[in-house]
Amino acid sequence: MIKAIVAGFDRAASLALEEVGERSGVTIKAESVFIQPNYYAQATDFGSAYTCARLNACAAIKEAPHGDIFTGLQSMLRRRNGGWEHLIGIQIVSRYRALLCGTWTEAVPVPPELIDEVRSRGMTTANLETVLSHRYGADAVDPYGRLSGGRSRRQMLVEALLRAPDRRRLIKR
């Protein structure tokens, strides 16, 4: 059995890791731990999103050193073809901070008015999830159904992890 630690209270990510393990023929037991983030709430480029996801994963090591793998996620907005898209960067590291898997969820289009609201609240304190929750009463942890045609955050994370070229490194432990 692989003990997975997820940075932040992200039930969808914990369930996604367990499902990926099940589909891969391995038992993964995931739990979430609180971490204190010290960076922007909403990344707007791949480099900062991946760095934040990695920092999240490494922060989880300090909070729960009994784990085998540690997962950090970071929300990202990017401008593309005149519009905006939302993605989630995923970084999974070993207890020695070695990168085991890095991937992205599929990009989901975001209406411009939501981007304006994220900007008006300040990207250091607000992110798309916060705005969706406030505006539509969506679940703060899983607001993606509003943008993705009903697909949940968990589904998006499972899909991203299953198509990650380096995911086999997670289960060969």
C-alpha atoms as a PDB file:
ATOM      1  CA  MET A   1       0.000   0.000   0.000  1.00  0.00           C
ATOM      2  CA  ILE A   2       1.153   3.510  -0.872  1.00  0.00           C
ATOM      3  CA  LYS A   3       0.439   6.270   1.644  1.00  0.00           C
ATOM      4  CA  ALA A   4      -0.313   9.499  -0.257  1.00  0.00           C
ATOM      5  CA  ILE A   5      -0.411  12.889   1.449  1.00  0.00           C
ATOM      6  CA  VAL A   6      -2.251  15.749  -0.277  1.00  0.00           C
ATOM      7  CA  ALA A   7      -1.330  19.330   0.601  1.00  0.00           C
ATOM      8  CA  GLY A   8      -4.410  21.279   1.657  1.00  0.00           C
ATOM      9  CA  PHE A   9      -7.837  19.956   2.444  1.00  0.00           C
ATOM     10  CA  ASP A  10      -8.598  18.639  -1.025  1.00  0.00           C
ATOM     11  CA  ARG A  11     -10.923  15.648  -0.830  1.00  0.00           C
ATOM     12  CA  ALA A  12     -11.248  15.527  -4.621  1.00  0.00           C
ATOM     13  CA  ALA A  13      -7.475  15.121  -5.007  1.00  0.00           C
ATOM     14  CA  SER A  14      -7.341  12.421  -2.338  1.00  0.00           C
ATOM     15  CA  LEU A  15     -10.132  10.472  -4.020  1.00  0.00           C
ATOM     16  CA  ALA A  16      -8.511  10.968  -7.440  1.00  0.00           C
ATOM     17  CA  LEU A  17      -5.216   9.476  -6.236  1.00  0.00           C
ATOM     18  CA  GLU A  18      -7.011   6.491  -4.740  1.00  0.00           C
ATOM     19  CA  GLU A  19      -8.918   5.945  -7.986  1.00  0.00           C
ATOM     20  CA  VAL A  20      -5.741   6.146 -10.082  1.00  0.00           C
ATOM     21  CA  GLY A  21      -4.190   3.536  -7.795  1.00  0.00           C
ATOM     22  CA  GLU A  22      -7.225   1.285  -8.119  1.00  0.00           C
ATOM     23  CA  ARG A  23      -7.200   1.566 -11.908  1.00  0.00           C
ATOM     24  CA  SER A  24      -3.479   0.780 -11.875  1.00  0.00           C
ATOM     25  CA  GLY A  25      -3.838  -2.279  -9.638  1.00  0.00           C
ATOM     26  CA  VAL A  26      -2.267  -0.683  -6.552  1.00  0.00           C
ATOM     27  CA  THR A  27      -3.772   0.380  -3.250  1.00  0.00           C
ATOM     28  CA  ILE A  28      -3.247   4.074  -2.546  1.00  0.00           C
ATOM     29  CA  LYS A  29      -4.570   5.452   0.726  1.00  0.00           C
ATOM     30  CA  ALA A  30      -4.684   9.244   0.584  1.00  0.00           C
ATOM     31  CA  GLU A  31      -5.134  11.830   3.309  1.00  0.00           C
ATOM     32  CA  SER A  32      -5.048  15.627   3.287  1.00  0.00           C
ATOM     33  CA  VAL A  33      -2.980  17.822   5.577  1.00  0.00           C
ATOM     34  CA  PHE A  34      -3.153  21.534   6.280  1.00  0.00           C
ATOM     35  CA  ILE A  35      -0.284  23.597   4.908  1.00  0.00           C
ATOM     36  CA  GLN A  36       0.365  27.315   5.166  1.00  0.00           C
ATOM     37  CA  PRO A  37       0.766  28.657   1.614  1.00  0.00           C
ATOM     38  CA  ASN A  38       3.114  31.615   1.183  1.00  0.00           C
ATOM     39  CA  TYR A  39       2.613  32.598  -2.438  1.00  0.00           C
ATOM     40  CA  TYR A  40      -0.037  33.818  -4.837  1.00  0.00           C
ATOM     41  CA  ALA A  41      -3.464  32.236  -4.665  1.00  0.00           C
ATOM     42  CA  GLN A  42      -3.913  32.384  -8.454  1.00  0.00           C
ATOM     43  CA  ALA A  43      -0.996  31.632 -10.751  1.00  0.00           C
ATOM     44  CA  THR A  44      -1.030  33.005 -14.293  1.00  0.00           C
ATOM     45  CA  ASP A  45       1.885  31.162 -15.889  1.00  0.00           C
ATOM     46  CA  PHE A  46       3.129  27.590 -16.057  1.00  0.00           C
ATOM     47  CA  GLY A  47       6.381  28.248 -14.207  1.00  0.00           C
ATOM     48  CA  SER A  48       4.833  29.838 -11.131  1.00  0.00           C
ATOM     49  CA  ALA A  49       1.975  27.306 -11.046  1.00  0.00           C
ATOM     50  CA  TYR A  50       4.368  24.357 -11.175  1.00  0.00           C
ATOM     51  CA  THR A  51       6.619  25.969  -8.562  1.00  0.00           C
ATOM     52  CA  CYS A  52       3.657  26.571  -6.238  1.00  0.00           C
ATOM     53  CA  ALA A  53       2.398  23.005  -6.720  1.00  0.00           C
ATOM     54  CA  ARG A  54       5.878  21.706  -5.892  1.00  0.00           C
ATOM     55  CA  LEU A  55       6.114  23.969  -2.812  1.00  0.00           C
ATOM     56  CA  ASN A  56       2.728  22.651  -1.692  1.00  0.00           C
ATOM     57  CA  ALA A  57       3.884  19.054  -2.072  1.00  0.00           C
ATOM     58  CA  CYS A  58       7.115  19.738  -0.163  1.00  0.00           C
ATOM     59  CA  ALA A  59       5.201  21.559   2.598  1.00  0.00           C
ATOM     60  CA  ALA A  60       3.114  18.407   3.056  1.00  0.00           C
ATOM     61  CA  ILE A  61       6.296  16.446   3.808  1.00  0.00           C
ATOM     62  CA  LYS A  62       6.876  18.591   6.898  1.00  0.00           C
ATOM     63  CA  GLU A  63       3.297  18.121   8.088  1.00  0.00           C
ATOM     64  CA  ALA A  64       3.056  14.366   7.488  1.00  0.00           C
ATOM     65  CA  PRO A  65       6.505  12.765   7.094  1.00  0.00           C
ATOM     66  CA  HIS A  66       4.958   9.274   7.401  1.00  0.00           C
ATOM     67  CA  GLY A  67       3.751   9.434   3.785  1.00  0.00           C
ATOM     68  CA  ASP A  68       5.268   7.717   0.758  1.00  0.00           C
ATOM     69  CA  ILE A  69       4.231  10.278  -1.859  1.00  0.00           C
ATOM     70  CA  PHE A  70       3.215  13.924  -1.458  1.00  0.00           C
ATOM     71  CA  THR A  71       0.914  15.827  -3.793  1.00  0.00           C
ATOM     72  CA  GLY A  72       0.665  19.558  -4.382  1.00  0.00           C
ATOM     73  CA  LEU A  73      -1.796  21.303  -6.674  1.00  0.00           C
ATOM     74  CA  GLN A  74      -1.981  24.845  -7.989  1.00  0.00           C
ATOM     75  CA  SER A  75      -4.755  26.588  -9.861  1.00  0.00           C
ATOM     76  CA  MET A  76      -3.695  28.536 -12.962  1.00  0.00           C
ATOM     77  CA  LEU A  77      -5.402  30.955 -15.314  1.00  0.00           C
ATOM     78  CA  ARG A  78      -3.887  31.512 -18.737  1.00  0.00           C
ATOM     79  CA  ARG A  79      -4.723  33.712 -21.669  1.00  0.00           C
ATOM     80  CA  ARG A  80      -5.182  31.814 -24.920  1.00  0.00           C
ATOM     81  CA  ASN A  81      -6.706  32.685 -28.286  1.00  0.00           C
ATOM     82  CA  GLY A  82      -8.198  35.905 -26.932  1.00  0.00           C
ATOM     83  CA  GLY A  83      -9.888  34.180 -23.979  1.00  0.00           C
ATOM     84  CA  TRP A  84      -9.009  32.682 -20.619  1.00  0.00           C
ATOM     85  CA  GLU A  85      -8.588  29.080 -19.523  1.00  0.00           C
ATOM     86  CA  HIS A  86      -8.248  27.394 -16.152  1.00  0.00           C
ATOM     87  CA  LEU A  87      -5.905  24.474 -15.455  1.00  0.00           C
ATOM     88  CA  ILE A  88      -4.622  22.745 -12.341  1.00  0.00           C
ATOM     89  CA  GLY A  89      -0.933  21.908 -12.060  1.00  0.00           C
ATOM     90  CA  ILE A  90      -0.163  18.677 -10.187  1.00  0.00           C
ATOM     91  CA  GLN A  91       3.221  17.807  -8.690  1.00  0.00           C
ATOM     92  CA  ILE A  92       3.857  14.568  -6.814  1.00  0.00           C
ATOM     93  CA  VAL A  93       7.142  14.114  -4.981  1.00  0.00           C
ATOM     94  CA  SER A  94       8.817  11.468  -2.832  1.00  0.00           C
ATOM     95  CA  ARG A  95       9.669  12.058   0.827  1.00  0.00           C
ATOM     96  CA  TYR A  96      13.120  13.083  -0.451  1.00  0.00           C
ATOM     97  CA  ARG A  97      11.514  15.753  -2.658  1.00  0.00           C
ATOM     98  CA  ALA A  98      12.312  13.919  -5.893  1.00  0.00           C
ATOM     99  CA  LEU A  99       9.721  14.591  -8.587  1.00  0.00           C
ATOM    100  CA  LEU A 100       7.720  11.458  -9.347  1.00  0.00           C
ATOM    101  CA  CYS A 101       4.960  12.885 -11.503  1.00  0.00           C
ATOM    102  CA  GLY A 102       4.019  16.258 -12.908  1.00  0.00           C
ATOM    103  CA  THR A 103       0.999  16.984 -15.068  1.00  0.00           C
ATOM    104  CA  TRP A 104      -1.864  19.366 -15.836  1.00  0.00           C
ATOM    105  CA  THR A 105      -5.594  19.019 -15.994  1.00  0.00           C
ATOM    106  CA  GLU A 106      -7.310  19.739 -19.265  1.00  0.00           C
ATOM    107  CA  ALA A 107      -7.863  23.459 -19.873  1.00  0.00           C
ATOM    108  CA  VAL A 108     -11.403  24.693 -19.231  1.00  0.00           C
ATOM    109  CA  PRO A 109     -12.633  27.989 -20.758  1.00  0.00           C
ATOM    110  CA  VAL A 110     -13.408  30.745 -18.240  1.00  0.00           C
ATOM    111  CA  PRO A 111     -15.849  33.594 -18.949  1.00  0.00           C
ATOM    112  CA  PRO A 112     -14.196  37.066 -18.920  1.00  0.00           C
ATOM    113  CA  GLU A 113     -16.450  38.368 -16.135  1.00  0.00           C
ATOM    114  CA  LEU A 114     -15.042  35.755 -13.758  1.00  0.00           C
ATOM    115  CA  ILE A 115     -11.503  36.832 -14.643  1.00  0.00           C
ATOM    116  CA  ASP A 116     -12.447  40.455 -13.932  1.00  0.00           C
ATOM    117  CA  GLU A 117     -13.773  39.458 -10.521  1.00  0.00           C
ATOM    118  CA  VAL A 118     -10.627  37.461  -9.640  1.00  0.00           C
ATOM    119  CA  ARG A 119      -8.525  40.489 -10.625  1.00  0.00           C
ATOM    120  CA  SER A 120     -10.681  42.913  -8.642  1.00  0.00           C
ATOM    121  CA  ARG A 121     -10.313  40.787  -5.503  1.00  0.00           C
ATOM    122  CA  GLY A 122      -6.561  40.585  -5.957  1.00  0.00           C
ATOM    123  CA  MET A 123      -4.801  37.494  -7.248  1.00  0.00           C
ATOM    124  CA  THR A 124      -2.701  37.244  -4.102  1.00  0.00           C
ATOM    125  CA  THR A 125      -5.762  36.469  -2.002  1.00  0.00           C
ATOM    126  CA  ALA A 126      -8.455  35.188  -4.378  1.00  0.00           C
ATOM    127  CA  ASN A 127      -8.573  32.493  -6.993  1.00  0.00           C
ATOM    128  CA  LEU A 128     -11.112  31.196  -9.471  1.00  0.00           C
ATOM    129  CA  GLU A 129     -12.516  28.664  -6.994  1.00  0.00           C
ATOM    130  CA  THR A 130     -13.248  31.449  -4.489  1.00  0.00           C
ATOM    131  CA  VAL A 131     -15.028  33.543  -7.105  1.00  0.00           C
ATOM    132  CA  LEU A 132     -17.106  30.623  -8.395  1.00  0.00           C
ATOM    133  CA  SER A 133     -18.141  29.726  -4.866  1.00  0.00           C
ATOM    134  CA  HIS A 134     -19.123  33.289  -4.038  1.00  0.00           C
ATOM    135  CA  ARG A 135     -20.909  34.036  -7.282  1.00  0.00           C
ATOM    136  CA  TYR A 136     -22.782  30.793  -7.895  1.00  0.00           C
ATOM    137  CA  GLY A 137     -22.868  29.144  -4.497  1.00  0.00           C
ATOM    138  CA  ALA A 138     -20.727  26.371  -5.963  1.00  0.00           C
ATOM    139  CA  ASP A 139     -18.800  24.105  -3.636  1.00  0.00           C
ATOM    140  CA  ALA A 140     -15.511  25.870  -2.855  1.00  0.00           C
ATOM    141  CA  VAL A 141     -13.601  22.605  -3.145  1.00  0.00           C
ATOM    142  CA  ASP A 142     -15.227  21.422  -6.373  1.00  0.00           C
ATOM    143  CA  PRO A 143     -16.664  24.351  -8.362  1.00  0.00           C
ATOM    144  CA  TYR A 144     -15.629  23.034 -11.763  1.00  0.00           C
ATOM    145  CA  GLY A 145     -18.957  21.635 -12.852  1.00  0.00           C
ATOM    146  CA  ARG A 146     -19.988  25.204 -13.695  1.00  0.00           C
ATOM    147  CA  LEU A 147     -17.161  25.558 -16.215  1.00  0.00           C
ATOM    148  CA  SER A 148     -16.559  22.038 -17.432  1.00  0.00           C
ATOM    149  CA  GLY A 149     -19.990  20.886 -18.512  1.00  0.00           C
ATOM    150  CA  GLY A 150     -20.596  18.944 -15.329  1.00  0.00           C
ATOM    151  CA  ARG A 151     -17.198  17.250 -14.954  1.00  0.00           C
ATOM    152  CA  SER A 152     -15.971  17.332 -11.366  1.00  0.00           C
ATOM    153  CA  ARG A 153     -12.557  18.347 -10.087  1.00  0.00           C
ATOM    154  CA  ARG A 154     -11.994  14.714  -9.133  1.00  0.00           C
ATOM    155  CA  GLN A 155     -12.737  13.544 -12.689  1.00  0.00           C
ATOM    156  CA  MET A 156     -10.409  16.169 -14.131  1.00  0.00           C
ATOM    157  CA  LEU A 157      -7.586  15.160 -11.757  1.00  0.00           C
ATOM    158  CA  VAL A 158      -8.042  11.433 -12.465  1.00  0.00           C
ATOM    159  CA  GLU A 159      -7.925  12.070 -16.223  1.00  0.00           C
ATOM    160  CA  ALA A 160      -4.793  14.201 -15.863  1.00  0.00           C
ATOM    161  CA  LEU A 161      -2.986  11.624 -13.727  1.00  0.00           C
ATOM    162  CA  LEU A 162      -3.943   8.695 -15.964  1.00  0.00           C
ATOM    163  CA  ARG A 163      -2.548  10.427 -19.039  1.00  0.00           C
ATOM    164  CA  ALA A 164       0.638  11.634 -17.287  1.00  0.00           C
ATOM    165  CA  PRO A 165       3.583   9.948 -19.000  1.00  0.00           C
ATOM    166  CA  ASP A 166       5.429   9.471 -15.702  1.00  0.00           C
ATOM    167  CA  ARG A 167       2.530   8.155 -13.594  1.00  0.00           C
ATOM    168  CA  ARG A 168       4.019   4.649 -13.497  1.00  0.00           C
ATOM    169  CA  ARG A 169       6.685   6.044 -11.154  1.00  0.00           C
ATOM    170  CA  LEU A 170       3.931   6.507  -8.559  1.00  0.00           C
ATOM    171  CA  ILE A 171       2.971   2.863  -8.419  1.00  0.00           C
ATOM    172  CA  LYS A 172       6.417   1.237  -8.725  1.00  0.00           C
ATOM    173  CA  ARG A 173       7.194   1.706  -5.040  1.00  0.00           C
END
